Every structure is written in structure tokens, then in C-alpha cells.
Amino acid sequence: MMERPIAGAAARPVERVTVMQGQAVATSDPSTEYSTVLGSCVATCLFDPEARVGGMNHFLLSEPPAGCGNTTVDEHYGVYLMELLVNTMLGKGARKGRLKAHLYGGANVNRNMMRIGTANAEFARAFLQREGIELVREDLGGTCARRVDFRPASGQVRCRTVEDRLAPPVQPTGRPDKSTGDVELF
């Protein structure tokens, strides 16, 4: 699915940066393109059209479980990465009142597991609403993985999905009936 085409060649070659789980990055460099692949994770693409600064994060889970007693910062949680992305962009000249957001991911790719993708999507929407950041586009939910390419300086985004029927089926690995003690290195 194409939102807005990522148009024309920049004056310099495009530098593609992969945004991994637990990362939040931002830039005003027009030759940078952020890319990520999402299943149940959510990526937030933020853009300030006046400052021409944009950024992307990629979070695995929304918030730590209640009552876990863990006071350390975990970069895999959206509660941390959303704040980090906003603050990084503010440090590069963006203004919070001008930020526009795109949300992607949040799929429930494994029907036999908890609805982690749904929880991630709900958290991201609630965060943007609470912070007064305009959500201009979302492609959340479903059962399909997504690939997102984002040009942060222009705010252009391309989101492609992988249809369920094209994804390889999840097959549990069977255990042998009897262990022989042999180890095979490859």
C-alpha cells in the first residue's frame, strides 16, 4: 500500500538507515531515509513540516507490566521511546505544536498469542492524543507484517504489507522421540 510516493532523487544519494527495535532516531538531512520492518511492533514517524525535521521509533511493547517493580529504563517499551523521539526532535529544532504523526505496525501476526499488536497500537494512539500530536495517517492492526520507509526531512512515507498467504507458515520444531546425545554443528 502506497501512501505518498517517495519522489525523485535527492541531490545526494539516499542513505538508508534501518531502525531496529528499541531505537528512536531523528534528522533534518534530506538524503536520509529510515526503514523498518514491523509485525506486532509499532513504528511512529513524526515530522515537523516547518522545521523539516523528522524521526522514527520502533517499539516492541507498550509499557512494562503493572507492579513489576522495575525502575530501570527499558528501551524496548513505547512509553520510553515515544518520549525519546519527541525530545530528540525538539533538540533538532522541531516544535511540539507542529508535529504530525504516522503510526504503522501493531499486527497480531500469531493468532495463538496474546494480542500484543493491538495493545501497542492502542498505546501509541493514546500517547499522541495525550500529548496533543496530530495523527495524520495510520496503518495498524490486522495480521500482516509491514515494511515502512520514511524520509524524515520531507515527511514522505511508504508502507508496504506482506499478505498473510505469502508469509511462510509458523511451524513448531518437533523434538525427537529419543535423544541420542549427538550434536551437529553447522
C-alpha atoms as a PDB file:
ATOM      1  CA  MET A   1       0.000   0.000   0.000  1.00  0.00           C
ATOM      2  CA  MET A   2       1.443   3.357  -1.012  1.00  0.00           C
ATOM      3  CA  GLU A   3       0.619   6.469   0.957  1.00  0.00           C
ATOM      4  CA  ARG A   4       2.576   9.131  -0.854  1.00  0.00           C
ATOM      5  CA  PRO A   5       5.244   8.199  -3.345  1.00  0.00           C
ATOM      6  CA  ILE A   6       8.783   8.897  -2.294  1.00  0.00           C
ATOM      7  CA  ALA A   7       9.611  11.118  -5.202  1.00  0.00           C
ATOM      8  CA  GLY A   8      12.682  11.837  -7.257  1.00  0.00           C
ATOM      9  CA  ALA A   9      16.338  11.531  -6.497  1.00  0.00           C
ATOM     10  CA  ALA A  10      17.810  13.850  -3.912  1.00  0.00           C
ATOM     11  CA  ALA A  11      20.840  15.995  -4.729  1.00  0.00           C
ATOM     12  CA  ARG A  12      22.930  13.442  -2.840  1.00  0.00           C
ATOM     13  CA  PRO A  13      22.488   9.663  -2.833  1.00  0.00           C
ATOM     14  CA  VAL A  14      19.940   8.445  -0.305  1.00  0.00           C
ATOM     15  CA  GLU A  15      21.393   6.992   2.880  1.00  0.00           C
ATOM     16  CA  ARG A  16      19.108   4.219   4.117  1.00  0.00           C
ATOM     17  CA  VAL A  17      19.156   3.710   7.867  1.00  0.00           C
ATOM     18  CA  THR A  18      17.475   0.660   9.387  1.00  0.00           C
ATOM     19  CA  VAL A  19      15.629   1.472  12.598  1.00  0.00           C
ATOM     20  CA  MET A  20      15.730  -1.574  14.861  1.00  0.00           C
ATOM     21  CA  GLN A  21      13.632  -2.470  17.909  1.00  0.00           C
ATOM     22  CA  GLY A  22      14.458  -0.147  20.780  1.00  0.00           C
ATOM     23  CA  GLN A  23      15.674   2.747  18.629  1.00  0.00           C
ATOM     24  CA  ALA A  24      14.476   6.317  18.151  1.00  0.00           C
ATOM     25  CA  VAL A  25      16.262   8.477  15.562  1.00  0.00           C
ATOM     26  CA  ALA A  26      15.695  11.930  14.058  1.00  0.00           C
ATOM     27  CA  THR A  27      17.301  14.155  11.446  1.00  0.00           C
ATOM     28  CA  SER A  28      16.792  17.076   9.088  1.00  0.00           C
ATOM     29  CA  ASP A  29      19.094  15.596   6.430  1.00  0.00           C
ATOM     30  CA  PRO A  30      17.107  15.381   3.150  1.00  0.00           C
ATOM     31  CA  SER A  31      19.242  12.466   1.915  1.00  0.00           C
ATOM     32  CA  THR A  32      18.314  10.181   4.838  1.00  0.00           C
ATOM     33  CA  GLU A  33      15.624   7.513   4.619  1.00  0.00           C
ATOM     34  CA  TYR A  34      14.629   5.453   7.657  1.00  0.00           C
ATOM     35  CA  SER A  35      13.362   1.909   7.115  1.00  0.00           C
ATOM     36  CA  THR A  36      11.975  -0.743   9.427  1.00  0.00           C
ATOM     37  CA  VAL A  37      10.025  -3.990   9.313  1.00  0.00           C
ATOM     38  CA  LEU A  38       7.160  -4.485  11.751  1.00  0.00           C
ATOM     39  CA  GLY A  39       4.965  -7.294  12.970  1.00  0.00           C
ATOM     40  CA  SER A  40       3.369  -6.645  16.358  1.00  0.00           C
ATOM     41  CA  CYS A  41       5.804  -3.775  16.967  1.00  0.00           C
ATOM     42  CA  VAL A  42       4.777  -0.187  16.238  1.00  0.00           C
ATOM     43  CA  ALA A  43       6.803   2.497  14.493  1.00  0.00           C
ATOM     44  CA  THR A  44       5.968   6.162  14.947  1.00  0.00           C
ATOM     45  CA  CYS A  45       7.051   8.574  12.213  1.00  0.00           C
ATOM     46  CA  LEU A  46       6.996  12.190  13.418  1.00  0.00           C
ATOM     47  CA  PHE A  47       7.518  15.228  11.212  1.00  0.00           C
ATOM     48  CA  ASP A  48       7.652  18.996  11.729  1.00  0.00           C
ATOM     49  CA  PRO A  49       6.819  20.451   8.291  1.00  0.00           C
ATOM     50  CA  GLU A  50       8.148  23.917   9.126  1.00  0.00           C
ATOM     51  CA  ALA A  51      11.489  22.884  10.659  1.00  0.00           C
ATOM     52  CA  ARG A  52      11.733  19.966   8.164  1.00  0.00           C
ATOM     53  CA  VAL A  53      12.822  17.625  10.943  1.00  0.00           C
ATOM     54  CA  GLY A  54      11.525  14.098  11.230  1.00  0.00           C
ATOM     55  CA  GLY A  55      12.131  10.950  13.184  1.00  0.00           C
ATOM     56  CA  MET A  56      11.129   7.341  13.674  1.00  0.00           C
ATOM     57  CA  ASN A  57      10.991   4.942  16.589  1.00  0.00           C
ATOM     58  CA  HIS A  58      10.336   1.190  16.765  1.00  0.00           C
ATOM     59  CA  PHE A  59       8.966  -0.272  19.958  1.00  0.00           C
ATOM     60  CA  LEU A  60       8.363  -3.890  20.914  1.00  0.00           C
ATOM     61  CA  LEU A  61       5.911  -3.482  23.813  1.00  0.00           C
ATOM     62  CA  SER A  62       3.828  -0.557  25.035  1.00  0.00           C
ATOM     63  CA  GLU A  63       4.583  -0.407  28.777  1.00  0.00           C
ATOM     64  CA  PRO A  64       6.140  -2.614  31.452  1.00  0.00           C
ATOM     65  CA  PRO A  65       3.649  -4.849  33.264  1.00  0.00           C
ATOM     66  CA  ALA A  66       1.977  -3.157  36.231  1.00  0.00           C
ATOM     67  CA  GLY A  67       3.609  -3.922  39.556  1.00  0.00           C
ATOM     68  CA  CYS A  68       6.792  -5.372  38.079  1.00  0.00           C
ATOM     69  CA  GLY A  69       8.808  -3.099  40.385  1.00  0.00           C
ATOM     70  CA  ASN A  70      11.388  -2.435  37.672  1.00  0.00           C
ATOM     71  CA  THR A  71      12.539   1.197  37.870  1.00  0.00           C
ATOM     72  CA  THR A  72      15.239   0.931  35.184  1.00  0.00           C
ATOM     73  CA  VAL A  73      14.625   2.340  31.710  1.00  0.00           C
ATOM     74  CA  ASP A  74      13.970  -0.301  29.063  1.00  0.00           C
ATOM     75  CA  GLU A  75      14.383   0.950  25.510  1.00  0.00           C
ATOM     76  CA  HIS A  76      12.028  -1.706  24.111  1.00  0.00           C
ATOM     77  CA  TYR A  77       8.951  -0.045  25.619  1.00  0.00           C
ATOM     78  CA  GLY A  78       6.902   2.576  23.797  1.00  0.00           C
ATOM     79  CA  VAL A  79       6.494   4.650  26.954  1.00  0.00           C
ATOM     80  CA  TYR A  80      10.251   5.366  26.793  1.00  0.00           C
ATOM     81  CA  LEU A  81      10.739   5.506  23.008  1.00  0.00           C
ATOM     82  CA  MET A  82       7.849   7.902  22.359  1.00  0.00           C
ATOM     83  CA  GLU A  83       9.273  10.438  24.837  1.00  0.00           C
ATOM     84  CA  LEU A  84      12.774   9.907  23.455  1.00  0.00           C
ATOM     85  CA  LEU A  85      11.634  10.534  19.865  1.00  0.00           C
ATOM     86  CA  VAL A  86       9.740  13.727  20.738  1.00  0.00           C
ATOM     87  CA  ASN A  87      12.631  15.079  22.828  1.00  0.00           C
ATOM     88  CA  THR A  88      15.229  14.217  20.169  1.00  0.00           C
ATOM     89  CA  MET A  89      13.205  16.098  17.575  1.00  0.00           C
ATOM     90  CA  LEU A  90      12.757  19.109  19.873  1.00  0.00           C
ATOM     91  CA  GLY A  91      16.533  19.142  20.281  1.00  0.00           C
ATOM     92  CA  LYS A  92      16.877  19.402  16.492  1.00  0.00           C
ATOM     93  CA  GLY A  93      14.581  22.424  16.205  1.00  0.00           C
ATOM     94  CA  ALA A  94      11.105  20.880  15.918  1.00  0.00           C
ATOM     95  CA  ARG A  95       8.209  22.352  17.897  1.00  0.00           C
ATOM     96  CA  LYS A  96       5.754  20.048  19.596  1.00  0.00           C
ATOM     97  CA  GLY A  97       2.707  22.012  18.437  1.00  0.00           C
ATOM     98  CA  ARG A  98       3.657  21.468  14.775  1.00  0.00           C
ATOM     99  CA  LEU A  99       4.371  17.737  14.942  1.00  0.00           C
ATOM    100  CA  LYS A 100       2.458  15.418  12.621  1.00  0.00           C
ATOM    101  CA  ALA A 101       2.425  11.672  13.267  1.00  0.00           C
ATOM    102  CA  HIS A 102       2.101   8.477  11.280  1.00  0.00           C
ATOM    103  CA  LEU A 103       1.682   5.103  13.044  1.00  0.00           C
ATOM    104  CA  TYR A 104       2.447   1.713  11.487  1.00  0.00           C
ATOM    105  CA  GLY A 105       2.508  -1.909  12.617  1.00  0.00           C
ATOM    106  CA  GLY A 106       0.605  -3.338  15.557  1.00  0.00           C
ATOM    107  CA  ALA A 107      -0.358  -6.541  13.751  1.00  0.00           C
ATOM    108  CA  ASN A 108      -1.352  -9.689  15.586  1.00  0.00           C
ATOM    109  CA  VAL A 109       0.775 -11.915  13.362  1.00  0.00           C
ATOM    110  CA  ASN A 110       0.475 -15.044  15.515  1.00  0.00           C
ATOM    111  CA  ARG A 111      -3.157 -15.836  16.161  1.00  0.00           C
ATOM    112  CA  ASN A 112      -2.233 -18.180  19.030  1.00  0.00           C
ATOM    113  CA  MET A 113      -0.525 -15.494  21.120  1.00  0.00           C
ATOM    114  CA  MET A 114      -1.697 -12.522  23.155  1.00  0.00           C
ATOM    115  CA  ARG A 115      -2.870  -9.505  21.161  1.00  0.00           C
ATOM    116  CA  ILE A 116       0.393  -7.616  21.649  1.00  0.00           C
ATOM    117  CA  GLY A 117      -0.003  -5.673  18.400  1.00  0.00           C
ATOM    118  CA  THR A 118      -3.414  -4.372  19.441  1.00  0.00           C
ATOM    119  CA  ALA A 119      -2.050  -3.209  22.812  1.00  0.00           C
ATOM    120  CA  ASN A 120       0.883  -1.465  21.086  1.00  0.00           C
ATOM    121  CA  ALA A 121      -1.418   0.335  18.631  1.00  0.00           C
ATOM    122  CA  GLU A 122      -3.794   1.483  21.374  1.00  0.00           C
ATOM    123  CA  PHE A 123      -0.883   2.777  23.453  1.00  0.00           C
ATOM    124  CA  ALA A 124       0.583   4.765  20.515  1.00  0.00           C
ATOM    125  CA  ARG A 125      -2.764   6.403  19.663  1.00  0.00           C
ATOM    126  CA  ALA A 126      -3.385   7.291  23.316  1.00  0.00           C
ATOM    127  CA  PHE A 127       0.121   8.771  23.678  1.00  0.00           C
ATOM    128  CA  LEU A 128      -0.348  11.054  20.657  1.00  0.00           C
ATOM    129  CA  GLN A 129      -3.765  12.173  21.860  1.00  0.00           C
ATOM    130  CA  ARG A 130      -2.495  12.845  25.389  1.00  0.00           C
ATOM    131  CA  GLU A 131       0.463  14.862  24.051  1.00  0.00           C
ATOM    132  CA  GLY A 132      -1.646  16.834  21.550  1.00  0.00           C
ATOM    133  CA  ILE A 133       0.234  15.495  18.500  1.00  0.00           C
ATOM    134  CA  GLU A 134      -1.868  15.276  15.333  1.00  0.00           C
ATOM    135  CA  LEU A 135      -2.218  11.778  13.882  1.00  0.00           C
ATOM    136  CA  VAL A 136      -2.446  12.230  10.108  1.00  0.00           C
ATOM    137  CA  ARG A 137      -2.101   8.603   8.982  1.00  0.00           C
ATOM    138  CA  GLU A 138      -2.131   5.136  10.458  1.00  0.00           C
ATOM    139  CA  ASP A 139      -1.852   1.612   9.130  1.00  0.00           C
ATOM    140  CA  LEU A 140      -2.273  -0.513  12.248  1.00  0.00           C
ATOM    141  CA  GLY A 141      -3.629  -3.919  13.155  1.00  0.00           C
ATOM    142  CA  GLY A 142      -4.531  -6.893  11.031  1.00  0.00           C
ATOM    143  CA  THR A 143      -2.323  -9.954  10.718  1.00  0.00           C
ATOM    144  CA  CYS A 144       0.212  -8.809   8.108  1.00  0.00           C
ATOM    145  CA  ALA A 145       3.778  -7.663   8.591  1.00  0.00           C
ATOM    146  CA  ARG A 146       4.735  -4.260   7.177  1.00  0.00           C
ATOM    147  CA  ARG A 147       7.802  -2.529   5.807  1.00  0.00           C
ATOM    148  CA  VAL A 148       7.957   1.233   6.327  1.00  0.00           C
ATOM    149  CA  ASP A 149      10.259   3.684   4.528  1.00  0.00           C
ATOM    150  CA  PHE A 150      10.272   7.269   5.829  1.00  0.00           C
ATOM    151  CA  ARG A 151      12.011  10.372   4.535  1.00  0.00           C
ATOM    152  CA  PRO A 152      12.198  12.442   7.742  1.00  0.00           C
ATOM    153  CA  ALA A 153      13.102  15.824   6.226  1.00  0.00           C
ATOM    154  CA  SER A 154      10.109  15.788   3.849  1.00  0.00           C
ATOM    155  CA  GLY A 155       7.675  13.670   5.868  1.00  0.00           C
ATOM    156  CA  GLN A 156       7.101  11.251   2.971  1.00  0.00           C
ATOM    157  CA  VAL A 157       6.188   7.686   3.934  1.00  0.00           C
ATOM    158  CA  ARG A 158       5.772   4.423   2.059  1.00  0.00           C
ATOM    159  CA  CYS A 159       4.187   1.442   3.838  1.00  0.00           C
ATOM    160  CA  ARG A 160       4.009  -1.984   2.214  1.00  0.00           C
ATOM    161  CA  THR A 161       2.312  -5.041   3.652  1.00  0.00           C
ATOM    162  CA  VAL A 162       3.105  -8.705   3.260  1.00  0.00           C
ATOM    163  CA  GLU A 163      -0.088 -10.650   2.726  1.00  0.00           C
ATOM    164  CA  ASP A 164      -0.721 -13.469   5.164  1.00  0.00           C
ATOM    165  CA  ARG A 165      -0.849 -16.018   2.358  1.00  0.00           C
ATOM    166  CA  LEU A 166       2.660 -15.017   1.205  1.00  0.00           C
ATOM    167  CA  ALA A 167       4.249 -15.257   4.635  1.00  0.00           C
ATOM    168  CA  PRO A 168       5.728 -18.644   5.498  1.00  0.00           C
ATOM    169  CA  PRO A 169       3.553 -20.624   7.915  1.00  0.00           C
ATOM    170  CA  VAL A 170       4.749 -20.867  11.502  1.00  0.00           C
ATOM    171  CA  GLN A 171       5.711 -24.481  12.107  1.00  0.00           C
ATOM    172  CA  PRO A 172       6.812 -25.594  15.563  1.00  0.00           C
ATOM    173  CA  THR A 173      10.017 -27.593  15.565  1.00  0.00           C
ATOM    174  CA  GLY A 174       9.380 -31.129  16.712  1.00  0.00           C
ATOM    175  CA  ARG A 175      11.583 -32.865  19.246  1.00  0.00           C
ATOM    176  CA  PRO A 176      12.989 -36.313  18.507  1.00  0.00           C
ATOM    177  CA  ASP A 177      11.361 -39.200  20.360  1.00  0.00           C
ATOM    178  CA  LYS A 178      14.696 -40.189  21.847  1.00  0.00           C
ATOM    179  CA  SER A 179      17.778 -38.074  22.418  1.00  0.00           C
ATOM    180  CA  THR A 180      20.994 -39.591  21.072  1.00  0.00           C
ATOM    181  CA  GLY A 181      23.289 -37.056  22.698  1.00  0.00           C
ATOM    182  CA  ASP A 182      24.803 -36.196  19.328  1.00  0.00           C
ATOM    183  CA  VAL A 183      25.446 -32.567  18.441  1.00  0.00           C
ATOM    184  CA  GLU A 184      25.543 -31.397  14.850  1.00  0.00           C
ATOM    185  CA  LEU A 185      27.427 -28.170  14.183  1.00  0.00           C
ATOM    186  CA  PHE A 186      26.683 -26.169  11.070  1.00  0.00           C
END
